């Protein structure tokens, strides 16, 4: 019986003309993931010039104005319902007051962010320098 001959793989001495793209694709995927992670989330913001550093050693003025935003998008100034035009006038009057009263902002949890944003923009245009958010402690465990 003749011996069985197994075919050996044919080896070509020719140079391979194709580039191995697997490492290139791996590197591109890693770079794509890094780009996605590092791109900041685009958010709308209103720039306010808030004071930084320690507070100055001046006596505190007890004049405070509470501004609330109801779920039905109505502004309230110290408990009284006011229109948008009246709110602008009140903000300007408070900003030009020599005592510089504090503006405490307390939006309802169901108030639209757009209304809060509009109020912050109006406060900045009016020149408000003392602005604080109150009542946020109730939401500290919400997230």
C-alpha atoms as a PDB file:
ATOM      1  CA  UNK A   1       0.000   0.000   0.000  1.00  0.00           C
ATOM      2  CA  UNK A   2       1.346   3.356  -0.889  1.00  0.00           C
ATOM      3  CA  UNK A   3       1.870   5.872   1.843  1.00  0.00           C
ATOM      4  CA  UNK A   4      -0.686   8.604   2.095  1.00  0.00           C
ATOM      5  CA  UNK A   5       0.688  11.985   1.332  1.00  0.00           C
ATOM      6  CA  UNK A   6      -0.753  14.892   3.168  1.00  0.00           C
ATOM      7  CA  UNK A   7      -0.715  18.188   1.449  1.00  0.00           C
ATOM      8  CA  UNK A   8       1.415  20.673   3.267  1.00  0.00           C
ATOM      9  CA  UNK A   9       0.340  24.294   3.374  1.00  0.00           C
ATOM     10  CA  UNK A  10       1.629  26.230   0.469  1.00  0.00           C
ATOM     11  CA  UNK A  11       3.927  28.944   1.548  1.00  0.00           C
ATOM     12  CA  UNK A  12       4.281  31.846  -0.664  1.00  0.00           C
ATOM     13  CA  UNK A  13       7.401  33.859  -0.501  1.00  0.00           C
ATOM     14  CA  UNK A  14       5.588  36.900  -1.872  1.00  0.00           C
ATOM     15  CA  UNK A  15       5.200  39.923   0.385  1.00  0.00           C
ATOM     16  CA  UNK A  16       1.677  40.503   1.704  1.00  0.00           C
ATOM     17  CA  UNK A  17       0.340  43.683   0.165  1.00  0.00           C
ATOM     18  CA  UNK A  18      -2.516  44.293   2.622  1.00  0.00           C
ATOM     19  CA  UNK A  19      -2.287  46.162   5.876  1.00  0.00           C
ATOM     20  CA  UNK A  20      -3.600  44.554   9.069  1.00  0.00           C
ATOM     21  CA  UNK A  21      -6.377  46.977  10.040  1.00  0.00           C
ATOM     22  CA  UNK A  22      -7.507  45.253  13.236  1.00  0.00           C
ATOM     23  CA  UNK A  23      -5.187  47.261  15.555  1.00  0.00           C
ATOM     24  CA  UNK A  24      -6.126  50.441  13.723  1.00  0.00           C
ATOM     25  CA  UNK A  25      -9.840  49.801  14.259  1.00  0.00           C
ATOM     26  CA  UNK A  26      -9.218  49.013  17.946  1.00  0.00           C
ATOM     27  CA  UNK A  27      -7.357  52.286  18.443  1.00  0.00           C
ATOM     28  CA  UNK A  28     -10.067  54.241  16.622  1.00  0.00           C
ATOM     29  CA  UNK A  29     -12.791  52.715  18.832  1.00  0.00           C
ATOM     30  CA  UNK A  30     -10.859  53.597  21.985  1.00  0.00           C
ATOM     31  CA  UNK A  31     -10.397  57.160  20.748  1.00  0.00           C
ATOM     32  CA  UNK A  32     -14.092  57.419  19.883  1.00  0.00           C
ATOM     33  CA  UNK A  33     -15.085  56.258  23.379  1.00  0.00           C
ATOM     34  CA  UNK A  34     -12.638  58.714  24.960  1.00  0.00           C
ATOM     35  CA  UNK A  35     -14.078  61.538  22.845  1.00  0.00           C
ATOM     36  CA  UNK A  36     -17.652  60.658  23.853  1.00  0.00           C
ATOM     37  CA  UNK A  37     -16.731  60.579  27.533  1.00  0.00           C
ATOM     38  CA  UNK A  38     -14.788  63.848  27.544  1.00  0.00           C
ATOM     39  CA  UNK A  39     -17.217  65.998  25.541  1.00  0.00           C
ATOM     40  CA  UNK A  40     -19.083  68.209  28.018  1.00  0.00           C
ATOM     41  CA  UNK A  41     -22.844  68.057  28.186  1.00  0.00           C
ATOM     42  CA  UNK A  42     -24.359  71.111  26.520  1.00  0.00           C
ATOM     43  CA  UNK A  43     -26.518  72.956  29.015  1.00  0.00           C
ATOM     44  CA  UNK A  44     -28.148  76.338  28.938  1.00  0.00           C
ATOM     45  CA  UNK A  45     -26.959  78.627  31.663  1.00  0.00           C
ATOM     46  CA  UNK A  46     -27.330  82.186  32.826  1.00  0.00           C
ATOM     47  CA  UNK A  47     -24.070  83.760  33.919  1.00  0.00           C
ATOM     48  CA  UNK A  48     -24.361  85.583  37.222  1.00  0.00           C
ATOM     49  CA  UNK A  49     -21.510  87.459  38.802  1.00  0.00           C
ATOM     50  CA  UNK A  50     -21.619  85.971  42.281  1.00  0.00           C
ATOM     51  CA  UNK A  51     -19.255  87.150  45.002  1.00  0.00           C
ATOM     52  CA  UNK A  52     -16.384  84.886  45.908  1.00  0.00           C
ATOM     53  CA  UNK A  53     -14.098  84.744  48.903  1.00  0.00           C
ATOM     54  CA  UNK A  54     -14.993  85.467  52.496  1.00  0.00           C
ATOM     55  CA  UNK A  55     -17.906  87.806  53.093  1.00  0.00           C
ATOM     56  CA  UNK A  56     -16.989  91.384  53.964  1.00  0.00           C
ATOM     57  CA  UNK A  57     -17.189  92.479  57.586  1.00  0.00           C
ATOM     58  CA  UNK A  58     -20.228  94.695  57.253  1.00  0.00           C
ATOM     59  CA  UNK A  59     -23.377  94.551  59.353  1.00  0.00           C
ATOM     60  CA  UNK A  60     -26.107  92.437  57.799  1.00  0.00           C
ATOM     61  CA  UNK A  61     -29.139  94.269  56.477  1.00  0.00           C
ATOM     62  CA  UNK A  62     -32.369  92.538  57.464  1.00  0.00           C
ATOM     63  CA  UNK A  63     -34.294  93.737  54.403  1.00  0.00           C
ATOM     64  CA  UNK A  64     -35.243  90.619  52.452  1.00  0.00           C
ATOM     65  CA  UNK A  65     -37.603  90.069  49.562  1.00  0.00           C
ATOM     66  CA  UNK A  66     -38.972  86.583  48.975  1.00  0.00           C
ATOM     67  CA  UNK A  67     -39.681  85.726  45.352  1.00  0.00           C
ATOM     68  CA  UNK A  68     -41.533  82.500  44.670  1.00  0.00           C
ATOM     69  CA  UNK A  69     -42.546  80.859  41.418  1.00  0.00           C
ATOM     70  CA  UNK A  70     -45.757  78.852  41.568  1.00  0.00           C
ATOM     71  CA  UNK A  71     -46.426  75.724  39.488  1.00  0.00           C
ATOM     72  CA  UNK A  72     -48.797  77.808  37.336  1.00  0.00           C
ATOM     73  CA  UNK A  73     -45.799  80.034  36.341  1.00  0.00           C
ATOM     74  CA  UNK A  74     -46.961  82.996  38.440  1.00  0.00           C
ATOM     75  CA  UNK A  75     -44.415  85.132  40.266  1.00  0.00           C
ATOM     76  CA  UNK A  76     -45.038  86.189  43.855  1.00  0.00           C
ATOM     77  CA  UNK A  77     -43.176  89.041  45.530  1.00  0.00           C
ATOM     78  CA  UNK A  78     -43.357  88.690  49.327  1.00  0.00           C
ATOM     79  CA  UNK A  79     -46.550  86.660  48.914  1.00  0.00           C
ATOM     80  CA  UNK A  80     -48.298  88.995  46.454  1.00  0.00           C
ATOM     81  CA  UNK A  81     -48.939  87.833  42.907  1.00  0.00           C
ATOM     82  CA  UNK A  82     -47.204  90.105  40.380  1.00  0.00           C
ATOM     83  CA  UNK A  83     -47.036  90.205  36.594  1.00  0.00           C
ATOM     84  CA  UNK A  84     -43.834  89.918  34.591  1.00  0.00           C
ATOM     85  CA  UNK A  85     -43.685  93.683  34.044  1.00  0.00           C
ATOM     86  CA  UNK A  86     -44.227  94.377  37.752  1.00  0.00           C
ATOM     87  CA  UNK A  87     -41.513  91.846  38.597  1.00  0.00           C
ATOM     88  CA  UNK A  88     -39.052  93.692  36.350  1.00  0.00           C
ATOM     89  CA  UNK A  89     -39.922  96.991  38.028  1.00  0.00           C
ATOM     90  CA  UNK A  90     -39.594  95.486  41.518  1.00  0.00           C
ATOM     91  CA  UNK A  91     -36.204  93.965  40.672  1.00  0.00           C
ATOM     92  CA  UNK A  92     -34.920  97.305  39.368  1.00  0.00           C
ATOM     93  CA  UNK A  93     -36.278  99.107  42.444  1.00  0.00           C
ATOM     94  CA  UNK A  94     -34.593  96.592  44.757  1.00  0.00           C
ATOM     95  CA  UNK A  95     -31.295  96.814  42.872  1.00  0.00           C
ATOM     96  CA  UNK A  96     -31.262 100.628  43.011  1.00  0.00           C
ATOM     97  CA  UNK A  97     -32.208 100.722  46.702  1.00  0.00           C
ATOM     98  CA  UNK A  98     -29.189 102.001  48.684  1.00  0.00           C
ATOM     99  CA  UNK A  99     -29.755  99.294  51.312  1.00  0.00           C
ATOM    100  CA  UNK A 100     -29.352  96.589  48.619  1.00  0.00           C
ATOM    101  CA  UNK A 101     -31.991  94.187  49.977  1.00  0.00           C
ATOM    102  CA  UNK A 102     -31.464  90.467  49.634  1.00  0.00           C
ATOM    103  CA  UNK A 103     -33.475  88.596  47.059  1.00  0.00           C
ATOM    104  CA  UNK A 104     -34.489  85.127  48.231  1.00  0.00           C
ATOM    105  CA  UNK A 105     -35.632  82.891  45.396  1.00  0.00           C
ATOM    106  CA  UNK A 106     -37.828  79.930  46.235  1.00  0.00           C
ATOM    107  CA  UNK A 107     -39.256  78.208  43.153  1.00  0.00           C
ATOM    108  CA  UNK A 108     -41.876  75.533  43.646  1.00  0.00           C
ATOM    109  CA  UNK A 109     -40.655  72.033  42.880  1.00  0.00           C
ATOM    110  CA  UNK A 110     -43.130  71.833  39.976  1.00  0.00           C
ATOM    111  CA  UNK A 111     -42.292  75.257  38.532  1.00  0.00           C
ATOM    112  CA  UNK A 112     -40.857  75.180  35.035  1.00  0.00           C
ATOM    113  CA  UNK A 113     -37.128  75.782  34.766  1.00  0.00           C
ATOM    114  CA  UNK A 114     -37.773  78.276  31.974  1.00  0.00           C
ATOM    115  CA  UNK A 115     -39.548  80.622  34.425  1.00  0.00           C
ATOM    116  CA  UNK A 116     -36.698  80.343  36.929  1.00  0.00           C
ATOM    117  CA  UNK A 117     -34.240  81.066  34.130  1.00  0.00           C
ATOM    118  CA  UNK A 118     -36.243  84.114  33.020  1.00  0.00           C
ATOM    119  CA  UNK A 119     -36.275  85.452  36.578  1.00  0.00           C
ATOM    120  CA  UNK A 120     -32.520  84.967  36.970  1.00  0.00           C
ATOM    121  CA  UNK A 121     -31.905  86.770  33.671  1.00  0.00           C
ATOM    122  CA  UNK A 122     -34.139  89.666  34.752  1.00  0.00           C
ATOM    123  CA  UNK A 123     -32.356  89.846  38.119  1.00  0.00           C
ATOM    124  CA  UNK A 124     -28.999  90.051  36.357  1.00  0.00           C
ATOM    125  CA  UNK A 125     -30.234  92.762  33.978  1.00  0.00           C
ATOM    126  CA  UNK A 126     -31.613  94.717  36.943  1.00  0.00           C
ATOM    127  CA  UNK A 127     -28.230  94.609  38.691  1.00  0.00           C
ATOM    128  CA  UNK A 128     -29.141  92.372  41.622  1.00  0.00           C
ATOM    129  CA  UNK A 129     -26.091  91.623  43.747  1.00  0.00           C
ATOM    130  CA  UNK A 130     -27.603  89.724  46.690  1.00  0.00           C
ATOM    131  CA  UNK A 131     -29.385  86.621  45.459  1.00  0.00           C
ATOM    132  CA  UNK A 132     -29.934  83.368  47.278  1.00  0.00           C
ATOM    133  CA  UNK A 133     -31.864  80.174  46.743  1.00  0.00           C
ATOM    134  CA  UNK A 134     -33.835  79.096  49.809  1.00  0.00           C
ATOM    135  CA  UNK A 135     -35.683  75.882  50.505  1.00  0.00           C
ATOM    136  CA  UNK A 136     -33.314  73.614  48.582  1.00  0.00           C
ATOM    137  CA  UNK A 137     -32.676  71.571  51.725  1.00  0.00           C
ATOM    138  CA  UNK A 138     -35.942  69.693  51.161  1.00  0.00           C
ATOM    139  CA  UNK A 139     -34.581  68.314  47.882  1.00  0.00           C
ATOM    140  CA  UNK A 140     -31.182  67.152  49.124  1.00  0.00           C
ATOM    141  CA  UNK A 141     -32.189  63.467  49.082  1.00  0.00           C
ATOM    142  CA  UNK A 142     -34.117  63.657  45.793  1.00  0.00           C
ATOM    143  CA  UNK A 143     -31.084  62.679  43.729  1.00  0.00           C
END
